[in-house]
Amino acid sequence: MAAANREAGRSLFSHEDVAAVHTWSDRLIENLERRSGFILMGDHNTAAELPPYATIGLQQGGGAWAKNHPRLRGITHVVQVVHRPGDYAPYVSEAQGMTKPHGLRLLPLADWIERTRDYLKPDMAWAVAPFAG
């Protein structure tokens, strides 16, 4: 958001907009949905239907820590769609500890959708448009 403000040479996103994304994954999706008025659910999270730069929340469990910290919609994981400069190819950026390989990764959107298909179901996945609104 700060980069978008700098590039535009004006304030596209307020301090409140920026503060709304400094939170847990479930609240991030809730705040961005409230701000944009947009949410895409479950199996509609496809390459064709996702908004540019979508933020996607997934219900992936999370182990013992998730039981002690109930989450709205059960969202325990969030990813961001980004685009490669030049050809604008979509990728997914995520920090993954639940599946292998662990750690930070950047995957082409189509590959990420294929690997994540088991979670892209109704009541398990929600995408929001963070830059809309």
C-alpha atoms as a PDB file:
ATOM      1  CA  MET A   1       0.000   0.000   0.000  1.00  0.00           C
ATOM      2  CA  ALA A   2       2.855   2.364   0.810  1.00  0.00           C
ATOM      3  CA  ALA A   3       4.444   1.560  -2.555  1.00  0.00           C
ATOM      4  CA  ALA A   4       1.132   2.230  -4.332  1.00  0.00           C
ATOM      5  CA  ASN A   5       0.853   5.584  -2.528  1.00  0.00           C
ATOM      6  CA  ARG A   6       4.426   6.503  -3.536  1.00  0.00           C
ATOM      7  CA  GLU A   7       3.892   5.446  -7.159  1.00  0.00           C
ATOM      8  CA  ALA A   8       0.649   7.421  -7.418  1.00  0.00           C
ATOM      9  CA  GLY A   9       2.212  10.473  -5.802  1.00  0.00           C
ATOM     10  CA  ARG A  10      -0.804  10.766  -3.548  1.00  0.00           C
ATOM     11  CA  SER A  11      -2.526   8.905  -0.757  1.00  0.00           C
ATOM     12  CA  LEU A  12      -4.538   6.050  -2.256  1.00  0.00           C
ATOM     13  CA  PHE A  13      -4.522   4.226   1.073  1.00  0.00           C
ATOM     14  CA  SER A  14      -4.971   5.912   4.434  1.00  0.00           C
ATOM     15  CA  HIS A  15      -3.175   5.158   7.675  1.00  0.00           C
ATOM     16  CA  GLU A  16      -6.332   3.260   8.738  1.00  0.00           C
ATOM     17  CA  ASP A  17      -6.211   1.148   5.553  1.00  0.00           C
ATOM     18  CA  VAL A  18      -2.610   0.182   6.276  1.00  0.00           C
ATOM     19  CA  ALA A  19      -3.330  -0.522   9.957  1.00  0.00           C
ATOM     20  CA  ALA A  20      -6.218  -2.838   9.005  1.00  0.00           C
ATOM     21  CA  VAL A  21      -3.830  -5.339   7.413  1.00  0.00           C
ATOM     22  CA  HIS A  22      -1.518  -5.600  10.432  1.00  0.00           C
ATOM     23  CA  THR A  23      -3.478  -8.393  12.079  1.00  0.00           C
ATOM     24  CA  TRP A  24      -4.128 -12.161  12.168  1.00  0.00           C
ATOM     25  CA  SER A  25      -4.936 -13.912   8.870  1.00  0.00           C
ATOM     26  CA  ASP A  26      -8.666 -14.244   9.581  1.00  0.00           C
ATOM     27  CA  ARG A  27      -9.045 -10.578  10.535  1.00  0.00           C
ATOM     28  CA  LEU A  28      -7.041  -9.547   7.485  1.00  0.00           C
ATOM     29  CA  ILE A  29      -9.621 -11.189   5.221  1.00  0.00           C
ATOM     30  CA  GLU A  30     -12.486  -9.700   7.265  1.00  0.00           C
ATOM     31  CA  ASN A  31     -11.008  -6.174   7.179  1.00  0.00           C
ATOM     32  CA  LEU A  32     -10.287  -6.288   3.449  1.00  0.00           C
ATOM     33  CA  GLU A  33     -13.767  -7.663   2.727  1.00  0.00           C
ATOM     34  CA  ARG A  34     -15.328  -4.845   4.744  1.00  0.00           C
ATOM     35  CA  ARG A  35     -13.174  -2.232   2.988  1.00  0.00           C
ATOM     36  CA  SER A  36     -13.774  -3.478  -0.567  1.00  0.00           C
ATOM     37  CA  GLY A  37     -17.253  -4.987  -0.254  1.00  0.00           C
ATOM     38  CA  PHE A  38     -15.955  -7.996  -2.203  1.00  0.00           C
ATOM     39  CA  ILE A  39     -15.356 -11.631  -1.295  1.00  0.00           C
ATOM     40  CA  LEU A  40     -14.979 -14.684  -3.520  1.00  0.00           C
ATOM     41  CA  MET A  41     -15.706 -18.006  -1.847  1.00  0.00           C
ATOM     42  CA  GLY A  42     -14.549 -21.573  -2.165  1.00  0.00           C
ATOM     43  CA  ASP A  43     -14.218 -23.136  -5.570  1.00  0.00           C
ATOM     44  CA  HIS A  44     -14.659 -19.741  -7.261  1.00  0.00           C
ATOM     45  CA  ASN A  45     -11.014 -19.083  -6.355  1.00  0.00           C
ATOM     46  CA  THR A  46      -9.776 -19.802  -9.871  1.00  0.00           C
ATOM     47  CA  ALA A  47      -7.219 -18.040 -12.049  1.00  0.00           C
ATOM     48  CA  ALA A  48     -10.075 -16.672 -14.153  1.00  0.00           C
ATOM     49  CA  GLU A  49     -12.168 -15.334 -11.242  1.00  0.00           C
ATOM     50  CA  LEU A  50      -9.587 -13.986  -8.773  1.00  0.00           C
ATOM     51  CA  PRO A  51      -9.200 -10.206  -8.686  1.00  0.00           C
ATOM     52  CA  PRO A  52      -5.743  -8.754  -9.391  1.00  0.00           C
ATOM     53  CA  TYR A  53      -3.504  -9.017  -6.331  1.00  0.00           C
ATOM     54  CA  ALA A  54      -6.077 -11.114  -4.459  1.00  0.00           C
ATOM     55  CA  THR A  55      -5.469 -11.945  -0.824  1.00  0.00           C
ATOM     56  CA  ILE A  56      -6.734 -15.464  -0.123  1.00  0.00           C
ATOM     57  CA  GLY A  57      -7.566 -16.889   3.296  1.00  0.00           C
ATOM     58  CA  LEU A  58      -7.642 -20.644   3.760  1.00  0.00           C
ATOM     59  CA  GLN A  59      -8.925 -22.958   6.428  1.00  0.00           C
ATOM     60  CA  GLN A  60      -5.886 -25.244   6.808  1.00  0.00           C
ATOM     61  CA  GLY A  61      -6.186 -26.363  10.396  1.00  0.00           C
ATOM     62  CA  GLY A  62      -3.032 -25.295  12.148  1.00  0.00           C
ATOM     63  CA  GLY A  63      -2.503 -27.819  14.909  1.00  0.00           C
ATOM     64  CA  ALA A  64      -2.723 -27.172  18.639  1.00  0.00           C
ATOM     65  CA  TRP A  65      -2.149 -23.416  18.385  1.00  0.00           C
ATOM     66  CA  ALA A  66      -5.285 -23.011  16.256  1.00  0.00           C
ATOM     67  CA  LYS A  67      -7.429 -24.696  18.910  1.00  0.00           C
ATOM     68  CA  ASN A  68      -6.343 -22.084  21.454  1.00  0.00           C
ATOM     69  CA  HIS A  69      -6.932 -19.174  19.088  1.00  0.00           C
ATOM     70  CA  PRO A  70     -10.321 -19.590  17.363  1.00  0.00           C
ATOM     71  CA  ARG A  71     -10.420 -17.843  14.017  1.00  0.00           C
ATOM     72  CA  LEU A  72     -13.259 -16.256  12.067  1.00  0.00           C
ATOM     73  CA  ARG A  73     -14.295 -18.751   9.359  1.00  0.00           C
ATOM     74  CA  GLY A  74     -11.472 -20.984  10.660  1.00  0.00           C
ATOM     75  CA  ILE A  75      -8.922 -19.140   8.498  1.00  0.00           C
ATOM     76  CA  THR A  76      -5.392 -20.058   9.566  1.00  0.00           C
ATOM     77  CA  HIS A  77      -3.416 -19.273   6.406  1.00  0.00           C
ATOM     78  CA  VAL A  78      -3.278 -16.330   4.024  1.00  0.00           C
ATOM     79  CA  VAL A  79      -1.527 -15.857   0.679  1.00  0.00           C
ATOM     80  CA  GLN A  80      -1.097 -12.968  -1.735  1.00  0.00           C
ATOM     81  CA  VAL A  81      -1.308 -12.998  -5.529  1.00  0.00           C
ATOM     82  CA  VAL A  82       1.527 -10.932  -7.000  1.00  0.00           C
ATOM     83  CA  HIS A  83       2.568 -10.297 -10.585  1.00  0.00           C
ATOM     84  CA  ARG A  84       5.953 -10.615 -12.243  1.00  0.00           C
ATOM     85  CA  PRO A  85       7.205  -7.339 -13.683  1.00  0.00           C
ATOM     86  CA  GLY A  86       7.366  -7.272 -17.446  1.00  0.00           C
ATOM     87  CA  ASP A  87       4.854  -9.914 -18.449  1.00  0.00           C
ATOM     88  CA  TYR A  88       2.468  -9.548 -15.447  1.00  0.00           C
ATOM     89  CA  ALA A  89       2.423 -13.358 -14.898  1.00  0.00           C
ATOM     90  CA  PRO A  90       0.508 -14.189 -11.678  1.00  0.00           C
ATOM     91  CA  TYR A  91       2.283 -15.855  -8.775  1.00  0.00           C
ATOM     92  CA  VAL A  92       1.292 -16.682  -5.198  1.00  0.00           C
ATOM     93  CA  SER A  93       3.519 -15.568  -2.354  1.00  0.00           C
ATOM     94  CA  GLU A  94       3.176 -17.459   0.908  1.00  0.00           C
ATOM     95  CA  ALA A  95       4.945 -18.537   4.056  1.00  0.00           C
ATOM     96  CA  GLN A  96       4.046 -22.191   4.504  1.00  0.00           C
ATOM     97  CA  GLY A  97       4.628 -24.330   7.560  1.00  0.00           C
ATOM     98  CA  MET A  98       1.803 -26.863   7.137  1.00  0.00           C
ATOM     99  CA  THR A  99       2.906 -28.496   3.878  1.00  0.00           C
ATOM    100  CA  LYS A 100       6.249 -29.227   2.275  1.00  0.00           C
ATOM    101  CA  PRO A 101       8.395 -27.573   1.283  1.00  0.00           C
ATOM    102  CA  HIS A 102       8.266 -25.414   4.425  1.00  0.00           C
ATOM    103  CA  GLY A 103       9.140 -21.729   4.377  1.00  0.00           C
ATOM    104  CA  LEU A 104       8.673 -18.830   2.028  1.00  0.00           C
ATOM    105  CA  ARG A 105       7.764 -19.686  -1.522  1.00  0.00           C
ATOM    106  CA  LEU A 106       6.645 -18.081  -4.727  1.00  0.00           C
ATOM    107  CA  LEU A 107       4.642 -20.315  -7.061  1.00  0.00           C
ATOM    108  CA  PRO A 108       2.969 -19.662 -10.397  1.00  0.00           C
ATOM    109  CA  LEU A 109      -0.741 -19.161  -9.674  1.00  0.00           C
ATOM    110  CA  ALA A 110      -1.788 -22.216 -11.702  1.00  0.00           C
ATOM    111  CA  ASP A 111       0.673 -24.447  -9.793  1.00  0.00           C
ATOM    112  CA  TRP A 112      -0.461 -23.057  -6.441  1.00  0.00           C
ATOM    113  CA  ILE A 113      -4.125 -23.668  -7.328  1.00  0.00           C
ATOM    114  CA  GLU A 114      -3.312 -27.263  -8.272  1.00  0.00           C
ATOM    115  CA  ARG A 115      -1.357 -27.871  -5.027  1.00  0.00           C
ATOM    116  CA  THR A 116      -4.068 -26.203  -2.938  1.00  0.00           C
ATOM    117  CA  ARG A 117      -7.134 -27.686  -4.636  1.00  0.00           C
ATOM    118  CA  ASP A 118      -8.161 -29.637  -1.495  1.00  0.00           C
ATOM    119  CA  TYR A 119      -8.612 -26.312   0.351  1.00  0.00           C
ATOM    120  CA  LEU A 120     -10.331 -24.383  -2.459  1.00  0.00           C
ATOM    121  CA  LYS A 121     -13.805 -25.547  -1.474  1.00  0.00           C
ATOM    122  CA  PRO A 122     -16.887 -23.804  -0.106  1.00  0.00           C
ATOM    123  CA  ASP A 123     -16.425 -22.828   3.550  1.00  0.00           C
ATOM    124  CA  MET A 124     -12.644 -23.382   3.279  1.00  0.00           C
ATOM    125  CA  ALA A 125     -11.335 -20.536   1.082  1.00  0.00           C
ATOM    126  CA  TRP A 126     -12.117 -16.838   0.675  1.00  0.00           C
ATOM    127  CA  ALA A 127     -10.466 -14.269  -1.610  1.00  0.00           C
ATOM    128  CA  VAL A 128     -10.668 -10.514  -1.238  1.00  0.00           C
ATOM    129  CA  ALA A 129      -9.570  -7.614  -3.414  1.00  0.00           C
ATOM    130  CA  PRO A 130      -7.158  -5.645  -1.193  1.00  0.00           C
ATOM    131  CA  PHE A 131      -6.765  -2.701  -3.565  1.00  0.00           C
ATOM    132  CA  ALA A 132     -10.444  -2.261  -4.430  1.00  0.00           C
ATOM    133  CA  GLY A 133     -12.697   0.171  -2.712  1.00  0.00           C
END
